[in-house]
Protein backbone atom coordinates (compact mmCIF):
# COMPACT_ATOMS: atom_id res chain seq x y z
CA MET A 1 75.62 233.86 14.69
CA GLU A 2 74.37 237.07 13.84
CA ARG A 3 77.36 239.73 13.33
CA THR A 4 76.60 242.69 15.65
CA LEU A 5 79.12 245.99 15.74
CA PRO A 6 81.18 245.89 18.94
CA TYR A 7 79.50 248.98 20.36
CA LYS A 8 82.45 249.00 23.45
CA GLU A 9 84.87 249.00 21.08
CA ILE A 10 83.77 251.97 18.50
CA THR A 11 83.41 253.51 21.88
CA ASN A 12 87.13 253.15 22.95
CA GLU A 13 88.00 254.06 19.65
CA ILE A 14 85.91 257.21 19.60
CA GLN A 15 87.97 258.45 22.68
CA VAL A 16 90.74 257.88 21.05
CA TRP A 17 89.92 259.79 18.42
CA ILE A 18 88.86 262.60 20.78
CA ILE A 19 92.29 261.98 22.19
CA PHE A 20 94.31 262.34 18.79
CA THR A 21 92.58 265.74 17.72
CA ILE A 22 93.42 267.48 20.91
CA ILE A 23 96.97 267.08 20.45
CA SER A 24 96.69 267.52 16.91
CA LEU A 25 95.14 271.02 17.45
CA CYS A 26 98.20 272.01 20.08
CA ILE A 27 100.68 270.87 17.74
CA TRP A 28 98.85 272.90 14.73
CA GLU A 29 99.10 276.27 17.73
CA VAL A 30 102.30 275.22 18.26
CA VAL A 31 103.90 275.07 15.15
CA SER A 32 101.50 278.05 13.93
CA TYR A 33 103.43 280.04 16.74
CA ALA A 34 107.01 278.75 15.98
CA THR A 35 106.51 279.57 12.47
CA ASN A 36 105.08 283.60 13.67
CA GLY A 37 101.91 283.37 11.85
CA LEU A 38 103.30 281.67 8.59
CA PHE A 39 101.40 278.78 9.07
CA PRO A 40 97.61 280.07 10.13
CA ASP A 41 96.36 279.04 13.23
CA ILE A 42 93.25 277.63 14.07
CA PRO A 43 91.29 280.74 14.23
CA THR A 44 92.08 282.05 11.03
CA VAL A 45 91.45 279.21 9.13
CA VAL A 46 88.17 278.23 10.83
CA ASN A 47 87.16 282.19 9.46
CA PHE A 48 88.39 281.27 6.09
CA ILE A 49 86.06 278.10 6.36
CA ARG A 50 83.10 280.08 7.82
CA SER A 51 83.50 282.68 4.59
CA ILE A 52 83.15 279.84 1.97
CA ASN A 53 80.04 280.93 0.02
CA LEU A 54 78.08 277.64 0.20
CA ARG A 55 77.32 276.92 -3.43
CA GLU A 56 81.18 277.28 -4.19
CA PHE A 57 81.41 274.63 -1.68
CA TRP A 58 79.11 271.78 -2.69
CA TYR A 59 80.09 272.76 -6.16
CA ASN A 60 84.13 271.93 -5.24
CA LEU A 61 83.07 269.11 -2.91
CA TYR A 62 80.66 267.72 -5.77
CA LEU A 63 83.55 267.94 -8.02
CA THR A 64 86.00 266.15 -6.05
CA PHE A 65 83.59 263.57 -4.97
CA ARG A 66 82.37 262.75 -8.91
CA ASN A 67 85.51 262.55 -10.19
CA ALA A 68 86.72 260.17 -7.13
CA LEU A 69 83.68 258.13 -7.00
CA THR A 70 83.64 257.99 -11.28
CA GLY A 71 87.13 256.74 -11.30
CA TYR A 72 86.70 253.93 -8.66
CA LEU A 73 83.61 252.26 -10.53
CA ILE A 74 85.76 253.05 -13.66
CA GLY A 75 88.64 251.22 -11.98
CA LEU A 76 86.26 248.15 -10.37
CA ALA A 77 84.88 247.61 -13.58
CA ILE A 78 87.82 246.89 -15.03
CA ALA A 79 89.62 244.88 -12.28
CA LEU A 80 86.53 242.88 -12.40
CA GLY A 81 86.96 242.14 -16.27
CA LEU A 82 90.36 241.20 -15.82
CA ALA A 83 90.17 238.87 -12.55
CA TYR A 84 87.11 237.02 -14.70
CA LEU A 85 90.07 236.80 -17.85
CA SER A 86 92.73 235.62 -15.28
CA SER A 87 90.25 232.75 -14.16
CA LEU A 88 90.05 231.46 -17.38
CA SER A 89 93.58 230.38 -17.76
CA LYS A 90 97.15 229.93 -16.22
CA PHE A 91 98.49 232.11 -19.22
CA LEU A 92 96.01 234.56 -18.29
CA ASP A 93 96.09 234.82 -15.07
CA ARG A 94 100.11 235.54 -15.02
CA PHE A 95 99.40 238.06 -18.09
CA THR A 96 96.92 239.98 -15.25
CA GLY A 97 99.51 239.52 -12.41
CA ILE A 98 102.39 240.92 -14.78
CA LEU A 99 99.97 243.79 -16.28
CA ASN A 100 99.59 244.38 -12.36
CA THR A 101 103.04 244.86 -11.43
CA ILE A 102 103.46 247.41 -13.96
CA LEU A 103 100.65 249.73 -13.31
CA GLN A 104 101.94 249.26 -9.10
CA SER A 105 105.13 250.41 -10.57
CA ILE A 106 104.10 253.53 -12.28
CA SER A 107 103.82 257.20 -10.21
CA VAL A 108 100.62 258.34 -10.21
CA LEU A 109 102.35 261.82 -11.40
CA VAL A 110 103.43 259.86 -14.70
CA TRP A 111 99.60 259.06 -15.43
CA VAL A 112 98.63 263.15 -14.20
CA MET A 113 101.04 264.37 -17.16
CA ILE A 114 100.10 261.69 -19.75
CA PHE A 115 95.96 262.50 -19.33
CA LEU A 116 96.54 266.28 -19.17
CA LEU A 117 98.97 266.00 -22.71
CA LEU A 118 95.76 263.98 -24.20
CA PHE A 119 93.08 265.84 -22.85
CA GLY A 120 94.25 269.30 -21.77
CA VAL A 121 94.45 270.33 -18.61
CA LEU A 122 90.31 272.41 -18.10
CA SER A 123 89.35 268.69 -18.91
CA PRO A 124 87.37 267.12 -16.25
CA ILE A 125 88.27 263.70 -17.85
CA PRO A 126 92.71 263.43 -16.10
CA PRO A 127 91.16 263.66 -12.34
CA ILE A 128 88.71 260.84 -13.15
CA LEU A 129 91.11 258.48 -15.20
CA VAL A 130 93.28 259.18 -12.85
CA SER A 131 91.83 257.82 -9.95
CA ALA A 132 90.58 254.83 -12.12
CA ILE A 133 94.08 253.94 -12.91
CA ALA A 134 95.25 254.43 -9.07
CA THR A 135 92.50 252.33 -7.67
CA LEU A 136 92.48 249.69 -10.00
CA PRO A 137 96.24 247.91 -8.64
CA VAL A 138 94.00 248.15 -5.44
CA LEU A 139 91.36 246.37 -6.36
CA LEU A 140 92.95 243.56 -8.72
CA SER A 141 95.37 242.80 -6.06
CA ASN A 142 92.90 242.03 -3.67
CA LEU A 143 90.37 239.92 -6.24
CA LEU A 144 93.27 237.80 -7.36
CA GLN A 145 93.87 236.84 -4.45
CA SER A 146 90.35 236.62 -3.68
CA ILE A 147 90.14 234.36 -6.54
CA LYS A 148 92.66 231.57 -4.89
CA TYR A 149 90.68 231.40 -1.85
CA VAL A 150 87.42 229.88 -3.18
CA ASP A 151 87.23 226.57 -2.37
CA LYS A 152 88.06 224.10 -4.99
CA ARG A 153 85.03 221.91 -4.00
CA ILE A 154 82.68 224.87 -4.49
CA ARG A 155 84.50 225.14 -8.17
CA GLU A 156 83.91 221.63 -8.49
CA LEU A 157 80.38 221.34 -7.19
CA ALA A 158 79.43 224.17 -9.66
CA LYS A 159 81.13 222.21 -12.52
CA ILE A 160 79.23 219.29 -11.83
CA LEU A 161 76.04 221.06 -12.04
CA GLY A 162 76.71 222.12 -15.51
CA ALA A 163 77.56 226.11 -14.78
CA SER A 164 79.33 227.77 -17.49
CA ARG A 165 83.01 230.07 -16.69
CA ILE A 166 80.79 233.04 -16.31
CA ASP A 167 78.39 231.60 -14.34
CA LEU A 168 80.93 230.08 -11.94
CA PHE A 169 82.50 233.63 -11.73
CA LYS A 170 79.48 235.31 -11.39
CA ASP A 171 77.73 233.22 -9.06
CA PHE A 172 80.66 231.68 -6.72
CA ILE A 173 83.60 234.33 -7.16
CA ILE A 174 82.31 237.33 -7.04
CA PRO A 175 79.94 236.11 -3.69
CA GLY A 176 83.11 234.81 -2.07
CA SER A 177 84.73 238.22 -3.34
CA ILE A 178 82.80 240.19 -1.67
CA PRO A 179 84.49 240.66 1.67
CA TYR A 180 87.70 241.28 -0.11
CA ILE A 181 86.25 243.83 -2.72
CA ALA A 182 84.57 246.05 0.38
CA SER A 183 88.07 245.74 1.95
CA ALA A 184 89.75 246.66 -1.02
CA SER A 185 87.14 249.69 -1.75
CA ARG A 186 87.63 251.23 1.38
CA VAL A 187 91.47 251.86 0.81
CA ALA A 188 90.65 252.50 -3.08
CA ILE A 189 87.75 255.00 -2.38
CA GLY A 190 90.21 256.95 0.24
CA LEU A 191 93.39 256.37 -2.32
CA ALA A 192 90.46 258.16 -5.43
CA LEU A 193 89.87 260.85 -3.17
CA ARG A 194 93.35 261.56 -2.76
CA ILE A 195 94.35 261.19 -6.11
CA SER A 196 91.97 263.09 -7.59
CA VAL A 197 92.81 266.34 -5.55
CA VAL A 198 96.38 266.05 -6.92
CA ALA A 199 94.85 266.12 -10.64
CA GLU A 200 92.88 268.43 -10.05
CA ALA A 201 95.66 270.50 -8.51
CA PHE A 202 97.45 270.37 -12.12
CA GLY A 203 94.44 270.66 -14.24
CA SER A 204 91.43 271.45 -13.71
CA SER A 205 88.57 274.28 -13.30
CA GLY A 206 87.32 273.03 -9.88
CA GLY A 207 87.39 270.98 -7.27
CA ILE A 208 89.32 270.55 -3.88
CA GLY A 209 92.67 270.38 -5.49
CA PHE A 210 92.07 273.49 -7.78
CA GLN A 211 90.89 275.42 -5.11
CA ILE A 212 94.18 274.49 -3.18
CA ILE A 213 96.18 274.89 -5.47
CA TYR A 214 94.38 278.44 -6.48
CA ASN A 215 94.66 280.01 -2.70
CA TYR A 216 98.36 278.70 -2.71
CA SER A 217 99.13 280.92 -5.79
CA LEU A 218 97.18 283.37 -4.26
CA GLY A 219 99.64 283.38 -1.23
CA TYR A 220 96.69 282.46 0.89
CA SER A 221 98.01 279.76 3.47
CA GLU A 222 94.64 279.92 5.04
CA GLY A 223 92.86 278.86 2.14
CA VAL A 224 95.32 276.21 1.34
CA VAL A 225 95.25 274.78 5.03
CA GLY A 226 91.25 275.35 5.06
CA TRP A 227 90.20 273.22 1.69
CA ALA A 228 93.01 270.47 3.15
CA LEU A 229 91.52 270.43 6.29
CA ILE A 230 87.94 270.07 4.56
CA LEU A 231 89.13 267.16 2.36
CA ILE A 232 90.50 265.32 5.11
CA ILE A 233 87.37 265.79 8.03
CA LEU A 234 85.08 264.57 5.01
CA MET A 235 87.52 261.91 4.11
CA ILE A 236 87.71 260.60 7.72
CA LEU A 237 83.71 260.80 8.06
CA ILE A 238 83.23 258.94 4.96
CA ASP A 239 85.43 256.20 5.84
CA GLN A 240 84.64 255.51 9.54
CA LEU A 241 80.92 256.28 9.13
CA ILE A 242 79.93 254.73 5.88
CA LEU A 243 83.00 252.54 4.15
CA ARG A 244 83.69 250.77 7.69
CA PHE A 245 80.57 249.78 8.32
CA ILE A 246 79.79 248.59 4.96
CA GLU A 247 83.44 246.66 5.25
CA TRP A 248 81.73 245.01 8.31
CA GLU A 249 78.47 243.89 7.10
CA ALA A 250 80.26 242.32 3.72
CA GLY A 251 82.20 239.83 6.21
CA ARG A 252 79.30 237.86 6.48
CA TRP A 253 79.88 236.64 2.88
CA ARG A 254 83.53 234.99 3.50
CA LEU A 255 83.75 231.90 3.18
CA ILE A 256 84.96 229.82 5.56
C-alpha cells in the first residue's frame, strides 16, 4: 500500500501550532510588561529584525548552517564507519558501544573549550567539530540499534549468495537502517544547529551565535532575542517542512 501523508492530521497539528504561537506571544508580552521593558516587547524585536542588513542576515545564516550541516555530515560518516566496525565482531561491537557511552558522557562545553584551545577563538573549525561530536552519539546509537533489527534470515541469505562483509553492510544493513538514520538525522540536525550556535558564541567571527553574544555584550536585548527568534523559526520550519517529510518517506524502507 502506497504511503500517503496524513493531511487531516497535519491540518489539526497546524491549528495546534497556531494556538501555541498565540499563547507564546501573549506570554512574551506579559513578561516584557512585568520586567518594565527589560525583556524587549514584540514590536521592538520585530523592528530590530527588519533593520538587519540583508547581506549580514544571509551571511550569518550561511555560517551557522554551514557549521551545523558540515558537522552533521562528519558525524554521520564517522557513525557509519563505527557501525561497520561493530558488525565485524562482538569485541568491536562492545568496543563501539563503550566509546558511544563515553561520548554521551562528555559535556558539549568541554568539547567547545578543547577545540577552541586547539584551533583558536577565530577559527571556523571549532563550531564544525563540536557539531560533529555532538551529533555522533545520536547517530551511532540509532545505527547500532538498527543493525540488530536486520533479519537474520537476510544475513544468512546474503552469505549464501556470496556477499562479502562490505556488501552485506552496504546492500542489506544500510538500506534496512535508512528509517532509523532518517529519524536520528532529524534529531541530529536540530542538535547540530543548537550546538553550533553555542560554539559560535564562545569563539567565532560570525554566525547567529556570534551575533547573539555580540548584541548581549553591547546590551542590546532586542538583538539577542531577535537573532534567537530567527534561529528558532528557521529550525521549526526546517524540521516540520523538510526533515519530517524525509523521515516519513524513509519509513517505506522499514523492514517488517
